[in-house]
Amino acid sequence: MANHERAKRSYAQRYCSLHGLPVEKFTDHVFRRSLHAPLRWAWPLVGWLLRDSFEIDRQTVATVGRFHSRRELSEELIEFSYHPRNRHFSRRVAGQRISTNRLRSLLRNLPE
């Protein structure tokens, strides 16, 4: 594969290639790994109850998966941070949402 073709691979394609996952699993996998603790650990038990409350988080992960550059990633995560649904105590203070730092970390240094 030529270098210019490789550079066009999205974050989802690069992440899934590295972890041996089908691209369709990107959003679920990265979403769970991006949650703040202790929700990250409890998600397998309570996630089905809270699924609707985390739709904006899942949409953000799916959106950044389509991106190719750090600039696009940063802009989306800034928008996510200021989203009106993130103003509630449970999300803002208690951290019951995805961690933008964890998400950045998961997508940092992916092979081209």
N, C-alpha and C. Protein backbone atom coordinates (compact mmCIF):
# COMPACT_ATOMS: atom_id res chain seq x y z
N MET A 1 0.85 -1.18 0.00
CA MET A 1 0.00 0.00 0.00
C MET A 1 0.89 1.24 0.00
N ALA A 2 0.60 2.19 -0.85
CA ALA A 2 1.39 3.41 -0.95
C ALA A 2 1.19 4.27 0.29
N ASN A 3 2.19 5.11 0.59
CA ASN A 3 2.13 5.96 1.77
C ASN A 3 0.93 6.89 1.76
N HIS A 4 0.59 7.47 0.61
CA HIS A 4 -0.54 8.39 0.56
C HIS A 4 -1.86 7.66 0.81
N GLU A 5 -1.95 6.38 0.45
CA GLU A 5 -3.15 5.60 0.74
C GLU A 5 -3.22 5.26 2.23
N ARG A 6 -2.09 4.97 2.83
CA ARG A 6 -2.06 4.65 4.26
C ARG A 6 -2.47 5.85 5.10
N ALA A 7 -1.99 7.03 4.70
CA ALA A 7 -2.28 8.25 5.46
C ALA A 7 -3.77 8.55 5.48
N LYS A 8 -4.51 8.03 4.54
CA LYS A 8 -5.94 8.29 4.47
C LYS A 8 -6.76 7.38 5.38
N ARG A 9 -6.11 6.42 6.03
CA ARG A 9 -6.87 5.54 6.92
C ARG A 9 -7.36 6.32 8.13
N SER A 10 -8.59 6.05 8.51
CA SER A 10 -9.20 6.75 9.64
C SER A 10 -8.66 6.21 10.95
N TYR A 11 -8.97 6.93 12.03
CA TYR A 11 -8.60 6.45 13.35
C TYR A 11 -9.21 5.07 13.62
N ALA A 12 -10.45 4.88 13.23
CA ALA A 12 -11.10 3.59 13.46
C ALA A 12 -10.37 2.47 12.72
N GLN A 13 -10.02 2.69 11.48
CA GLN A 13 -9.33 1.67 10.70
C GLN A 13 -7.97 1.34 11.31
N ARG A 14 -7.24 2.38 11.69
CA ARG A 14 -5.91 2.17 12.27
C ARG A 14 -5.99 1.49 13.62
N TYR A 15 -6.93 1.91 14.46
CA TYR A 15 -7.09 1.32 15.81
C TYR A 15 -7.49 -0.15 15.70
N CYS A 16 -8.47 -0.43 14.86
CA CYS A 16 -8.96 -1.80 14.72
C CYS A 16 -7.91 -2.71 14.10
N SER A 17 -7.13 -2.18 13.18
CA SER A 17 -6.04 -2.95 12.60
C SER A 17 -5.02 -3.33 13.67
N LEU A 18 -4.68 -2.39 14.53
CA LEU A 18 -3.72 -2.63 15.60
C LEU A 18 -4.23 -3.67 16.60
N HIS A 19 -5.52 -3.62 16.91
CA HIS A 19 -6.10 -4.49 17.94
C HIS A 19 -6.80 -5.74 17.39
N GLY A 20 -6.74 -5.93 16.09
CA GLY A 20 -7.34 -7.12 15.49
C GLY A 20 -8.85 -7.16 15.61
N LEU A 21 -9.50 -6.00 15.48
CA LEU A 21 -10.95 -5.90 15.59
C LEU A 21 -11.56 -5.54 14.24
N PRO A 22 -12.79 -5.98 13.99
CA PRO A 22 -13.49 -5.46 12.80
C PRO A 22 -13.85 -4.00 13.07
N VAL A 23 -13.85 -3.18 12.04
CA VAL A 23 -14.11 -1.75 12.19
C VAL A 23 -15.47 -1.50 12.84
N GLU A 24 -16.42 -2.38 12.65
CA GLU A 24 -17.75 -2.23 13.23
C GLU A 24 -17.72 -2.25 14.76
N LYS A 25 -16.68 -2.79 15.35
CA LYS A 25 -16.55 -2.88 16.81
C LYS A 25 -15.85 -1.67 17.41
N PHE A 26 -15.36 -0.76 16.58
CA PHE A 26 -14.59 0.38 17.07
C PHE A 26 -15.33 1.18 18.13
N THR A 27 -16.55 1.63 17.83
CA THR A 27 -17.27 2.51 18.74
C THR A 27 -17.48 1.85 20.10
N ASP A 28 -17.97 0.63 20.13
CA ASP A 28 -18.21 -0.06 21.41
C ASP A 28 -16.92 -0.26 22.19
N HIS A 29 -15.88 -0.71 21.51
CA HIS A 29 -14.61 -1.01 22.18
C HIS A 29 -13.98 0.25 22.77
N VAL A 30 -13.88 1.29 21.96
CA VAL A 30 -13.23 2.52 22.41
C VAL A 30 -14.11 3.25 23.43
N PHE A 31 -15.41 3.22 23.24
CA PHE A 31 -16.31 3.84 24.22
C PHE A 31 -16.09 3.25 25.61
N ARG A 32 -16.11 1.94 25.73
CA ARG A 32 -15.94 1.29 27.04
C ARG A 32 -14.57 1.60 27.64
N ARG A 33 -13.55 1.62 26.81
CA ARG A 33 -12.20 1.88 27.32
C ARG A 33 -11.98 3.36 27.64
N SER A 34 -12.84 4.25 27.14
CA SER A 34 -12.70 5.69 27.36
C SER A 34 -13.46 6.19 28.58
N LEU A 35 -14.32 5.38 29.16
CA LEU A 35 -15.09 5.83 30.31
C LEU A 35 -14.20 6.11 31.51
N HIS A 36 -14.63 7.07 32.32
CA HIS A 36 -13.95 7.33 33.59
C HIS A 36 -14.19 6.14 34.52
N ALA A 37 -13.23 5.90 35.41
CA ALA A 37 -13.43 4.91 36.47
C ALA A 37 -14.37 5.54 37.50
N PRO A 38 -15.17 4.81 38.23
CA PRO A 38 -15.35 3.37 38.26
C PRO A 38 -16.37 2.86 37.24
N LEU A 39 -17.00 3.79 36.49
CA LEU A 39 -18.00 3.36 35.52
C LEU A 39 -17.39 2.41 34.48
N ARG A 40 -16.15 2.62 34.13
CA ARG A 40 -15.48 1.75 33.16
C ARG A 40 -15.51 0.29 33.63
N TRP A 41 -15.32 0.09 34.93
CA TRP A 41 -15.30 -1.27 35.47
C TRP A 41 -16.71 -1.82 35.66
N ALA A 42 -17.67 -0.94 35.94
CA ALA A 42 -19.04 -1.38 36.20
C ALA A 42 -19.87 -1.50 34.92
N TRP A 43 -19.37 -0.96 33.82
CA TRP A 43 -20.15 -0.92 32.59
C TRP A 43 -20.69 -2.29 32.16
N PRO A 44 -19.92 -3.36 32.24
CA PRO A 44 -20.48 -4.66 31.83
C PRO A 44 -21.73 -5.05 32.62
N LEU A 45 -21.86 -4.57 33.84
CA LEU A 45 -23.00 -4.91 34.68
C LEU A 45 -24.17 -3.94 34.54
N VAL A 46 -23.88 -2.66 34.38
CA VAL A 46 -24.95 -1.65 34.39
C VAL A 46 -25.12 -0.93 33.06
N GLY A 47 -24.29 -1.21 32.10
CA GLY A 47 -24.33 -0.50 30.82
C GLY A 47 -25.67 -0.57 30.12
N TRP A 48 -26.31 -1.70 30.19
CA TRP A 48 -27.60 -1.85 29.50
C TRP A 48 -28.66 -0.93 30.12
N LEU A 49 -28.52 -0.58 31.39
CA LEU A 49 -29.46 0.33 32.04
C LEU A 49 -29.21 1.79 31.66
N LEU A 50 -27.97 2.10 31.37
CA LEU A 50 -27.55 3.49 31.15
C LEU A 50 -27.31 3.84 29.69
N ARG A 51 -27.57 2.93 28.80
CA ARG A 51 -27.21 3.10 27.39
C ARG A 51 -27.69 4.43 26.80
N ASP A 52 -28.93 4.81 27.03
CA ASP A 52 -29.47 6.05 26.46
C ASP A 52 -28.79 7.30 27.02
N SER A 53 -28.34 7.24 28.26
CA SER A 53 -27.70 8.38 28.89
C SER A 53 -26.33 8.68 28.29
N PHE A 54 -25.78 7.75 27.56
CA PHE A 54 -24.43 7.90 27.02
C PHE A 54 -24.42 8.00 25.49
N GLU A 55 -25.56 8.38 24.93
CA GLU A 55 -25.64 8.46 23.46
C GLU A 55 -24.69 9.51 22.90
N ILE A 56 -24.56 10.66 23.56
CA ILE A 56 -23.66 11.71 23.07
C ILE A 56 -22.21 11.22 23.12
N ASP A 57 -21.86 10.42 24.12
CA ASP A 57 -20.50 9.88 24.23
C ASP A 57 -20.23 8.91 23.07
N ARG A 58 -21.19 8.04 22.80
CA ARG A 58 -21.05 7.06 21.73
C ARG A 58 -20.97 7.75 20.36
N GLN A 59 -21.77 8.80 20.19
CA GLN A 59 -21.72 9.55 18.93
C GLN A 59 -20.35 10.22 18.75
N THR A 60 -19.81 10.75 19.84
CA THR A 60 -18.50 11.39 19.76
C THR A 60 -17.42 10.38 19.37
N VAL A 61 -17.45 9.21 19.99
CA VAL A 61 -16.46 8.17 19.65
C VAL A 61 -16.62 7.76 18.18
N ALA A 62 -17.84 7.55 17.74
CA ALA A 62 -18.08 7.16 16.35
C ALA A 62 -17.59 8.25 15.39
N THR A 63 -17.82 9.50 15.75
CA THR A 63 -17.39 10.61 14.89
C THR A 63 -15.88 10.68 14.80
N VAL A 64 -15.18 10.62 15.93
CA VAL A 64 -13.72 10.71 15.87
C VAL A 64 -13.11 9.51 15.15
N GLY A 65 -13.81 8.39 15.14
CA GLY A 65 -13.33 7.22 14.43
C GLY A 65 -13.22 7.45 12.93
N ARG A 66 -14.01 8.37 12.40
CA ARG A 66 -13.98 8.67 10.96
C ARG A 66 -12.90 9.67 10.59
N PHE A 67 -12.31 10.32 11.59
CA PHE A 67 -11.31 11.36 11.33
C PHE A 67 -9.96 10.78 10.97
N HIS A 68 -9.13 11.66 10.37
CA HIS A 68 -7.79 11.27 9.93
C HIS A 68 -6.69 12.09 10.59
N SER A 69 -7.07 13.22 11.23
CA SER A 69 -6.03 14.12 11.75
C SER A 69 -6.27 14.48 13.21
N ARG A 70 -5.19 14.86 13.87
CA ARG A 70 -5.27 15.29 15.27
C ARG A 70 -6.07 16.58 15.41
N ARG A 71 -5.98 17.44 14.42
CA ARG A 71 -6.73 18.70 14.46
C ARG A 71 -8.23 18.43 14.52
N GLU A 72 -8.71 17.53 13.66
CA GLU A 72 -10.13 17.17 13.67
C GLU A 72 -10.52 16.55 15.02
N LEU A 73 -9.67 15.68 15.52
CA LEU A 73 -9.91 15.03 16.81
C LEU A 73 -10.02 16.07 17.92
N SER A 74 -9.08 16.99 17.97
CA SER A 74 -9.09 18.03 19.01
C SER A 74 -10.33 18.89 18.94
N GLU A 75 -10.71 19.29 17.75
CA GLU A 75 -11.90 20.13 17.59
C GLU A 75 -13.15 19.41 18.07
N GLU A 76 -13.29 18.15 17.73
CA GLU A 76 -14.47 17.38 18.15
C GLU A 76 -14.50 17.20 19.67
N LEU A 77 -13.36 16.94 20.27
CA LEU A 77 -13.32 16.72 21.71
C LEU A 77 -13.57 18.02 22.48
N ILE A 78 -13.18 19.14 21.92
CA ILE A 78 -13.50 20.43 22.53
C ILE A 78 -15.00 20.66 22.47
N GLU A 79 -15.60 20.38 21.33
CA GLU A 79 -17.06 20.52 21.21
C GLU A 79 -17.77 19.60 22.19
N PHE A 80 -17.30 18.37 22.33
CA PHE A 80 -17.90 17.43 23.27
C PHE A 80 -17.83 17.98 24.69
N SER A 81 -16.70 18.55 25.06
CA SER A 81 -16.52 19.08 26.42
C SER A 81 -17.52 20.17 26.75
N TYR A 82 -17.92 20.94 25.74
CA TYR A 82 -18.86 22.04 25.96
C TYR A 82 -20.30 21.68 25.64
N HIS A 83 -20.56 20.43 25.34
CA HIS A 83 -21.93 20.00 25.02
C HIS A 83 -22.85 20.24 26.22
N PRO A 84 -24.05 20.74 26.01
CA PRO A 84 -24.97 21.03 27.12
C PRO A 84 -25.25 19.83 28.04
N ARG A 85 -25.23 18.62 27.51
CA ARG A 85 -25.50 17.45 28.36
C ARG A 85 -24.37 17.19 29.35
N ASN A 86 -23.21 17.77 29.13
CA ASN A 86 -22.08 17.58 30.03
C ASN A 86 -22.07 18.57 31.19
N ARG A 87 -23.10 19.38 31.32
CA ARG A 87 -23.17 20.36 32.40
C ARG A 87 -23.74 19.78 33.69
N HIS A 88 -24.34 18.62 33.64
CA HIS A 88 -24.94 18.02 34.83
C HIS A 88 -23.86 17.51 35.78
N PHE A 89 -24.17 17.54 37.06
CA PHE A 89 -23.23 17.14 38.10
C PHE A 89 -22.65 15.75 37.83
N SER A 90 -23.50 14.79 37.48
CA SER A 90 -23.02 13.42 37.31
C SER A 90 -21.99 13.29 36.19
N ARG A 91 -22.09 14.14 35.21
CA ARG A 91 -21.15 14.08 34.09
C ARG A 91 -19.95 15.00 34.31
N ARG A 92 -20.20 16.20 34.80
CA ARG A 92 -19.14 17.20 34.96
C ARG A 92 -18.23 16.90 36.14
N VAL A 93 -18.82 16.65 37.30
CA VAL A 93 -18.04 16.49 38.52
C VAL A 93 -17.76 15.02 38.82
N ALA A 94 -18.78 14.17 38.71
CA ALA A 94 -18.61 12.76 39.04
C ALA A 94 -17.95 11.97 37.91
N GLY A 95 -17.79 12.59 36.75
CA GLY A 95 -17.06 11.95 35.66
C GLY A 95 -17.77 10.78 35.01
N GLN A 96 -19.09 10.79 35.03
CA GLN A 96 -19.83 9.69 34.43
C GLN A 96 -20.07 9.97 32.94
N ARG A 97 -18.97 9.95 32.22
CA ARG A 97 -18.94 10.18 30.78
C ARG A 97 -17.61 9.65 30.28
N ILE A 98 -17.35 9.78 28.97
CA ILE A 98 -16.04 9.38 28.49
C ILE A 98 -15.01 10.41 28.91
N SER A 99 -13.79 9.96 29.05
CA SER A 99 -12.67 10.84 29.35
C SER A 99 -12.02 11.21 28.03
N THR A 100 -11.98 12.50 27.74
CA THR A 100 -11.35 12.92 26.49
C THR A 100 -9.85 12.64 26.52
N ASN A 101 -9.25 12.69 27.70
CA ASN A 101 -7.82 12.36 27.81
C ASN A 101 -7.58 10.88 27.52
N ARG A 102 -8.43 10.01 28.05
CA ARG A 102 -8.29 8.57 27.77
C ARG A 102 -8.51 8.31 26.29
N LEU A 103 -9.49 8.97 25.70
CA LEU A 103 -9.76 8.78 24.27
C LEU A 103 -8.57 9.22 23.44
N ARG A 104 -8.02 10.38 23.75
CA ARG A 104 -6.81 10.85 23.03
C ARG A 104 -5.68 9.83 23.17
N SER A 105 -5.51 9.33 24.37
CA SER A 105 -4.44 8.37 24.64
C SER A 105 -4.61 7.09 23.83
N LEU A 106 -5.85 6.62 23.71
CA LEU A 106 -6.10 5.41 22.92
C LEU A 106 -5.78 5.60 21.44
N LEU A 107 -5.96 6.82 20.97
CA LEU A 107 -5.77 7.09 19.54
C LEU A 107 -4.40 7.67 19.21
N ARG A 108 -3.61 7.92 20.23
CA ARG A 108 -2.27 8.48 20.04
C ARG A 108 -1.32 7.38 19.54
N ASN A 109 -0.42 7.73 18.69
CA ASN A 109 0.65 6.84 18.22
C ASN A 109 0.15 5.58 17.52
N LEU A 110 -0.98 5.67 16.85
CA LEU A 110 -1.44 4.53 16.07
C LEU A 110 -0.59 4.40 14.81
N PRO A 111 -0.32 3.19 14.38
CA PRO A 111 0.46 3.03 13.14
C PRO A 111 -0.33 3.55 11.95
N GLU A 112 0.37 4.11 11.01
CA GLU A 112 -0.27 4.61 9.80
C GLU A 112 -0.68 3.42 8.99
